[in-house]
PDB file of all heavy atoms in Angstrom:
ATOM      1  N   ARG A   1      90.106 -16.847  28.165  1.00  0.00           N
ATOM      2  CA  ARG A   1      90.830 -17.509  29.240  1.00  0.00           C
ATOM      3  C   ARG A   1      91.368 -18.869  28.809  1.00  0.00           C
ATOM      4  O   ARG A   1      90.912 -19.442  27.827  1.00  0.00           O
ATOM      5  CB  ARG A   1      89.919 -17.727  30.459  1.00  0.00           C
ATOM      6  CG  ARG A   1      89.121 -16.530  30.900  1.00  0.00           C
ATOM      7  CD  ARG A   1      88.255 -16.894  32.091  1.00  0.00           C
ATOM      8  NE  ARG A   1      87.148 -15.974  32.268  1.00  0.00           N
ATOM      9  CZ  ARG A   1      86.189 -16.121  33.168  1.00  0.00           C
ATOM     10  NH1 ARG A   1      86.219 -17.174  33.983  1.00  0.00           N
ATOM     11  NH2 ARG A   1      85.213 -15.241  33.259  1.00  0.00           N
ATOM     12  N   GLN A   2      92.297 -19.381  29.614  1.00  0.00           N
ATOM     13  CA  GLN A   2      92.779 -20.743  29.450  1.00  0.00           C
ATOM     14  C   GLN A   2      91.740 -21.714  30.003  1.00  0.00           C
ATOM     15  O   GLN A   2      90.905 -21.337  30.837  1.00  0.00           O
ATOM     16  CB  GLN A   2      94.110 -20.938  30.178  1.00  0.00           C
ATOM     17  CG  GLN A   2      95.260 -20.104  29.632  1.00  0.00           C
ATOM     18  CD  GLN A   2      95.653 -20.537  28.236  1.00  0.00           C
ATOM     19  OE1 GLN A   2      95.300 -19.893  27.262  1.00  0.00           O
ATOM     20  NE2 GLN A   2      96.373 -21.638  28.137  1.00  0.00           N
ATOM     21  N   VAL A   3      91.817 -22.958  29.564  1.00  0.00           N
ATOM     22  CA  VAL A   3      90.890 -23.978  30.049  1.00  0.00           C
ATOM     23  C   VAL A   3      90.941 -24.081  31.571  1.00  0.00           C
ATOM     24  O   VAL A   3      89.908 -24.167  32.244  1.00  0.00           O
ATOM     25  CB  VAL A   3      91.223 -25.351  29.414  1.00  0.00           C
ATOM     26  CG1 VAL A   3      90.489 -26.475  30.125  1.00  0.00           C
ATOM     27  CG2 VAL A   3      90.857 -25.344  27.933  1.00  0.00           C
ATOM     28  N   SER A   4      92.147 -24.073  32.128  1.00  0.00           N
ATOM     29  CA  SER A   4      92.310 -24.249  33.577  1.00  0.00           C
ATOM     30  C   SER A   4      91.714 -23.099  34.383  1.00  0.00           C
ATOM     31  O   SER A   4      91.463 -23.246  35.586  1.00  0.00           O
ATOM     32  CB  SER A   4      93.793 -24.409  33.920  1.00  0.00           C
ATOM     33  OG  SER A   4      94.535 -23.279  33.475  1.00  0.00           O
ATOM     34  N   ALA A   5      91.487 -21.955  33.751  1.00  0.00           N
ATOM     35  CA  ALA A   5      90.980 -20.781  34.461  1.00  0.00           C
ATOM     36  C   ALA A   5      89.457 -20.676  34.419  1.00  0.00           C
ATOM     37  O   ALA A   5      88.886 -19.727  34.961  1.00  0.00           O
ATOM     38  CB  ALA A   5      91.598 -19.513  33.876  1.00  0.00           C
ATOM     39  N   ILE A   6      88.787 -21.629  33.787  1.00  0.00           N
ATOM     40  CA  ILE A   6      87.330 -21.610  33.666  1.00  0.00           C
ATOM     41  C   ILE A   6      86.739 -22.661  34.597  1.00  0.00           C
ATOM     42  O   ILE A   6      87.153 -23.817  34.578  1.00  0.00           O
ATOM     43  CB  ILE A   6      86.891 -21.885  32.218  1.00  0.00           C
ATOM     44  CG1 ILE A   6      87.488 -20.839  31.265  1.00  0.00           C
ATOM     45  CG2 ILE A   6      85.361 -21.878  32.097  1.00  0.00           C
ATOM     46  CD1 ILE A   6      87.234 -21.140  29.800  1.00  0.00           C
ATOM     47  N   THR A   7      85.767 -22.255  35.400  1.00  0.00           N
ATOM     48  CA  THR A   7      85.130 -23.173  36.336  1.00  0.00           C
ATOM     49  C   THR A   7      83.685 -23.445  35.924  1.00  0.00           C
ATOM     50  O   THR A   7      83.124 -22.728  35.081  1.00  0.00           O
ATOM     51  CB  THR A   7      85.125 -22.589  37.754  1.00  0.00           C
ATOM     52  OG1 THR A   7      84.280 -21.423  37.765  1.00  0.00           O
ATOM     53  CG2 THR A   7      86.535 -22.203  38.198  1.00  0.00           C
ATOM     54  N   ILE A   8      83.100 -24.467  36.549  1.00  0.00           N
ATOM     55  CA  ILE A   8      81.686 -24.755  36.329  1.00  0.00           C
ATOM     56  C   ILE A   8      80.848 -23.538  36.709  1.00  0.00           C
ATOM     57  O   ILE A   8      79.893 -23.185  36.016  1.00  0.00           O
ATOM     58  CB  ILE A   8      81.240 -25.977  37.161  1.00  0.00           C
ATOM     59  CG1 ILE A   8      81.854 -27.257  36.599  1.00  0.00           C
ATOM     60  CG2 ILE A   8      79.715 -26.091  37.180  1.00  0.00           C
ATOM     61  CD1 ILE A   8      81.267 -27.686  35.281  1.00  0.00           C
ATOM     62  N   ARG A   9      81.211 -22.905  37.802  1.00  0.00           N
ATOM     63  CA  ARG A   9      80.466 -21.724  38.240  1.00  0.00           C
ATOM     64  C   ARG A   9      80.533 -20.623  37.196  1.00  0.00           C
ATOM     65  O   ARG A   9      79.538 -19.945  36.930  1.00  0.00           O
ATOM     66  CB  ARG A   9      81.018 -21.223  39.578  1.00  0.00           C
ATOM     67  CG  ARG A   9      80.320 -19.981  40.112  1.00  0.00           C
ATOM     68  CD  ARG A   9      80.775 -19.638  41.514  1.00  0.00           C
ATOM     69  NE  ARG A   9      80.365 -20.666  42.463  1.00  0.00           N
ATOM     70  CZ  ARG A   9      80.621 -20.612  43.769  1.00  0.00           C
ATOM     71  NH1 ARG A   9      81.293 -19.588  44.271  1.00  0.00           N
ATOM     72  NH2 ARG A   9      80.209 -21.580  44.567  1.00  0.00           N
ATOM     73  N   ASP A  10      81.714 -20.429  36.594  1.00  0.00           N
ATOM     74  CA  ASP A  10      81.855 -19.421  35.532  1.00  0.00           C
ATOM     75  C   ASP A  10      80.908 -19.736  34.368  1.00  0.00           C
ATOM     76  O   ASP A  10      80.216 -18.855  33.852  1.00  0.00           O
ATOM     77  CB  ASP A  10      83.285 -19.392  35.000  1.00  0.00           C
ATOM     78  CG  ASP A  10      84.283 -18.919  36.034  1.00  0.00           C
ATOM     79  OD1 ASP A  10      83.901 -18.134  36.926  1.00  0.00           O
ATOM     80  OD2 ASP A  10      85.457 -19.335  35.947  1.00  0.00           O
ATOM     81  N   LEU A  11      80.910 -20.997  33.953  1.00  0.00           N
ATOM     82  CA  LEU A  11      80.096 -21.408  32.808  1.00  0.00           C
ATOM     83  C   LEU A  11      78.614 -21.268  33.103  1.00  0.00           C
ATOM     84  O   LEU A  11      77.851 -20.723  32.290  1.00  0.00           O
ATOM     85  CB  LEU A  11      80.425 -22.852  32.434  1.00  0.00           C
ATOM     86  CG  LEU A  11      81.817 -23.080  31.814  1.00  0.00           C
ATOM     87  CD1 LEU A  11      82.221 -24.545  31.926  1.00  0.00           C
ATOM     88  CD2 LEU A  11      81.831 -22.630  30.361  1.00  0.00           C
ATOM     89  N   ALA A  12      78.192 -21.743  34.268  1.00  0.00           N
ATOM     90  CA  ALA A  12      76.783 -21.674  34.623  1.00  0.00           C
ATOM     91  C   ALA A  12      76.329 -20.230  34.772  1.00  0.00           C
ATOM     92  O   ALA A  12      75.242 -19.851  34.310  1.00  0.00           O
ATOM     93  CB  ALA A  12      76.536 -22.447  35.921  1.00  0.00           C
ATOM     94  N   GLY A  13      77.174 -19.409  35.386  1.00  0.00           N
ATOM     95  CA  GLY A  13      76.815 -18.008  35.558  1.00  0.00           C
ATOM     96  C   GLY A  13      76.700 -17.272  34.234  1.00  0.00           C
ATOM     97  O   GLY A  13      75.756 -16.519  33.998  1.00  0.00           O
ATOM     98  N   ALA A  14      77.678 -17.471  33.350  1.00  0.00           N
ATOM     99  CA  ALA A  14      77.654 -16.801  32.047  1.00  0.00           C
ATOM    100  C   ALA A  14      76.488 -17.275  31.197  1.00  0.00           C
ATOM    101  O   ALA A  14      75.938 -16.510  30.398  1.00  0.00           O
ATOM    102  CB  ALA A  14      78.967 -17.037  31.314  1.00  0.00           C
ATOM    103  N   ALA A  15      76.092 -18.544  31.367  1.00  0.00           N
ATOM    104  CA  ALA A  15      74.982 -19.105  30.583  1.00  0.00           C
ATOM    105  C   ALA A  15      73.636 -18.816  31.228  1.00  0.00           C
ATOM    106  O   ALA A  15      72.589 -19.092  30.624  1.00  0.00           O
ATOM    107  CB  ALA A  15      75.165 -20.610  30.433  1.00  0.00           C
ATOM    108  N   ASP A  16      73.658 -18.292  32.451  1.00  0.00           N
ATOM    109  CA  ASP A  16      72.433 -18.008  33.201  1.00  0.00           C
ATOM    110  C   ASP A  16      71.620 -19.285  33.439  1.00  0.00           C
ATOM    111  O   ASP A  16      70.404 -19.325  33.225  1.00  0.00           O
ATOM    112  CB  ASP A  16      71.572 -16.954  32.485  1.00  0.00           C
ATOM    113  CG  ASP A  16      70.507 -16.359  33.405  1.00  0.00           C
ATOM    114  OD1 ASP A  16      70.675 -16.450  34.640  1.00  0.00           O
ATOM    115  OD2 ASP A  16      69.493 -15.838  32.904  1.00  0.00           O
ATOM    116  N   VAL A  17      72.303 -20.339  33.840  1.00  0.00           N
ATOM    117  CA  VAL A  17      71.637 -21.586  34.218  1.00  0.00           C
ATOM    118  C   VAL A  17      72.220 -22.032  35.562  1.00  0.00           C
ATOM    119  O   VAL A  17      73.293 -21.579  35.960  1.00  0.00           O
ATOM    120  CB  VAL A  17      71.842 -22.714  33.176  1.00  0.00           C
ATOM    121  CG1 VAL A  17      71.290 -22.305  31.821  1.00  0.00           C
ATOM    122  CG2 VAL A  17      73.324 -23.097  33.058  1.00  0.00           C
ATOM    123  N   SER A  18      71.522 -22.923  36.232  1.00  0.00           N
ATOM    124  CA  SER A  18      72.050 -23.464  37.478  1.00  0.00           C
ATOM    125  C   SER A  18      73.109 -24.512  37.162  1.00  0.00           C
ATOM    126  O   SER A  18      73.128 -25.075  36.060  1.00  0.00           O
ATOM    127  CB  SER A  18      70.928 -24.098  38.300  1.00  0.00           C
ATOM    128  OG  SER A  18      70.459 -25.269  37.656  1.00  0.00           O
ATOM    129  N   GLU A  19      73.988 -24.780  38.101  1.00  0.00           N
ATOM    130  CA  GLU A  19      75.010 -25.799  37.890  1.00  0.00           C
ATOM    131  C   GLU A  19      74.375 -27.167  37.688  1.00  0.00           C
ATOM    132  O   GLU A  19      74.893 -28.000  36.942  1.00  0.00           O
ATOM    133  CB  GLU A  19      75.985 -25.812  39.067  1.00  0.00           C
ATOM    134  CG  GLU A  19      76.835 -24.550  39.150  1.00  0.00           C
ATOM    135  CD  GLU A  19      77.862 -24.603  40.263  1.00  0.00           C
ATOM    136  OE1 GLU A  19      78.287 -25.716  40.638  1.00  0.00           O
ATOM    137  OE2 GLU A  19      78.244 -23.528  40.771  1.00  0.00           O
ATOM    138  N   GLY A  20      73.241 -27.407  38.317  1.00  0.00           N
ATOM    139  CA  GLY A  20      72.541 -28.675  38.140  1.00  0.00           C
ATOM    140  C   GLY A  20      72.066 -28.874  36.713  1.00  0.00           C
ATOM    141  O   GLY A  20      72.153 -29.983  36.165  1.00  0.00           O
ATOM    142  N   VAL A  21      71.585 -27.804  36.086  1.00  0.00           N
ATOM    143  CA  VAL A  21      71.147 -27.882  34.688  1.00  0.00           C
ATOM    144  C   VAL A  21      72.331 -28.203  33.784  1.00  0.00           C
ATOM    145  O   VAL A  21      72.223 -28.995  32.837  1.00  0.00           O
ATOM    146  CB  VAL A  21      70.478 -26.563  34.249  1.00  0.00           C
ATOM    147  CG1 VAL A  21      70.279 -26.521  32.724  1.00  0.00           C
ATOM    148  CG2 VAL A  21      69.146 -26.388  34.959  1.00  0.00           C
ATOM    149  N   PHE A  22      73.462 -27.615  34.083  1.00  0.00           N
ATOM    150  CA  PHE A  22      74.669 -27.861  33.290  1.00  0.00           C
ATOM    151  C   PHE A  22      74.950 -29.352  33.173  1.00  0.00           C
ATOM    152  O   PHE A  22      75.259 -29.865  32.099  1.00  0.00           O
ATOM    153  CB  PHE A  22      75.845 -27.133  33.947  1.00  0.00           C
ATOM    154  CG  PHE A  22      77.188 -27.474  33.374  1.00  0.00           C
ATOM    155  CD1 PHE A  22      77.710 -26.734  32.337  1.00  0.00           C
ATOM    156  CD2 PHE A  22      77.932 -28.547  33.857  1.00  0.00           C
ATOM    157  CE1 PHE A  22      78.951 -27.047  31.785  1.00  0.00           C
ATOM    158  CE2 PHE A  22      79.155 -28.871  33.320  1.00  0.00           C
ATOM    159  CZ  PHE A  22      79.663 -28.115  32.282  1.00  0.00           C
ATOM    160  N   TYR A  23      74.828 -30.076  34.283  1.00  0.00           N
ATOM    161  CA  TYR A  23      75.160 -31.506  34.297  1.00  0.00           C
ATOM    162  C   TYR A  23      74.133 -32.368  33.570  1.00  0.00           C
ATOM    163  O   TYR A  23      74.362 -33.559  33.368  1.00  0.00           O
ATOM    164  CB  TYR A  23      75.335 -31.999  35.738  1.00  0.00           C
ATOM    165  CG  TYR A  23      76.620 -31.516  36.368  1.00  0.00           C
ATOM    166  CD1 TYR A  23      76.609 -30.534  37.354  1.00  0.00           C
ATOM    167  CD2 TYR A  23      77.842 -32.030  35.951  1.00  0.00           C
ATOM    168  CE1 TYR A  23      77.793 -30.089  37.921  1.00  0.00           C
ATOM    169  CE2 TYR A  23      79.030 -31.591  36.515  1.00  0.00           C
ATOM    170  CZ  TYR A  23      79.004 -30.621  37.498  1.00  0.00           C
ATOM    171  OH  TYR A  23      80.193 -30.181  38.050  1.00  0.00           O
ATOM    172  N   ASN A  24      73.021 -31.769  33.165  1.00  0.00           N
ATOM    173  CA  ASN A  24      72.059 -32.513  32.344  1.00  0.00           C
ATOM    174  C   ASN A  24      72.559 -32.680  30.908  1.00  0.00           C
ATOM    175  O   ASN A  24      72.049 -33.535  30.177  1.00  0.00           O
ATOM    176  CB  ASN A  24      70.705 -31.794  32.308  1.00  0.00           C
ATOM    177  CG  ASN A  24      69.977 -31.865  33.627  1.00  0.00           C
ATOM    178  OD1 ASN A  24      70.176 -32.794  34.398  1.00  0.00           O
ATOM    179  ND2 ASN A  24      69.144 -30.871  33.895  1.00  0.00           N
ATOM    180  N   TYR A  25      73.547 -31.880  30.529  1.00  0.00           N
ATOM    181  CA  TYR A  25      73.997 -31.875  29.139  1.00  0.00           C
ATOM    182  C   TYR A  25      75.454 -32.284  28.964  1.00  0.00           C
ATOM    183  O   TYR A  25      75.841 -32.754  27.885  1.00  0.00           O
ATOM    184  CB  TYR A  25      73.773 -30.476  28.535  1.00  0.00           C
ATOM    185  CG  TYR A  25      72.320 -30.102  28.510  1.00  0.00           C
ATOM    186  CD1 TYR A  25      71.745 -29.402  29.568  1.00  0.00           C
ATOM    187  CD2 TYR A  25      71.505 -30.471  27.444  1.00  0.00           C
ATOM    188  CE1 TYR A  25      70.393 -29.080  29.565  1.00  0.00           C
ATOM    189  CE2 TYR A  25      70.161 -30.156  27.429  1.00  0.00           C
ATOM    190  CZ  TYR A  25      69.608 -29.468  28.496  1.00  0.00           C
ATOM    191  OH  TYR A  25      68.263 -29.172  28.487  1.00  0.00           O
ATOM    192  N   PHE A  26      76.253 -32.104  29.999  1.00  0.00           N
ATOM    193  CA  PHE A  26      77.675 -32.460  29.907  1.00  0.00           C
ATOM    194  C   PHE A  26      78.116 -33.117  31.206  1.00  0.00           C
ATOM    195  O   PHE A  26      77.688 -32.717  32.286  1.00  0.00           O
ATOM    196  CB  PHE A  26      78.528 -31.213  29.630  1.00  0.00           C
ATOM    197  CG  PHE A  26      78.222 -30.576  28.302  1.00  0.00           C
ATOM    198  CD1 PHE A  26      77.315 -29.517  28.221  1.00  0.00           C
ATOM    199  CD2 PHE A  26      78.805 -31.035  27.131  1.00  0.00           C
ATOM    200  CE1 PHE A  26      77.010 -28.939  26.994  1.00  0.00           C
ATOM    201  CE2 PHE A  26      78.503 -30.466  25.907  1.00  0.00           C
ATOM    202  CZ  PHE A  26      77.600 -29.412  25.839  1.00  0.00           C
TER     203      PHE A  26
END
């Protein structure tokens, strides 16, 4: 996908982590 087509929810879901955990690193 393009950068604009990727959301935080997409990233967290694919990584199997919560969105809150995501923000601990980026």
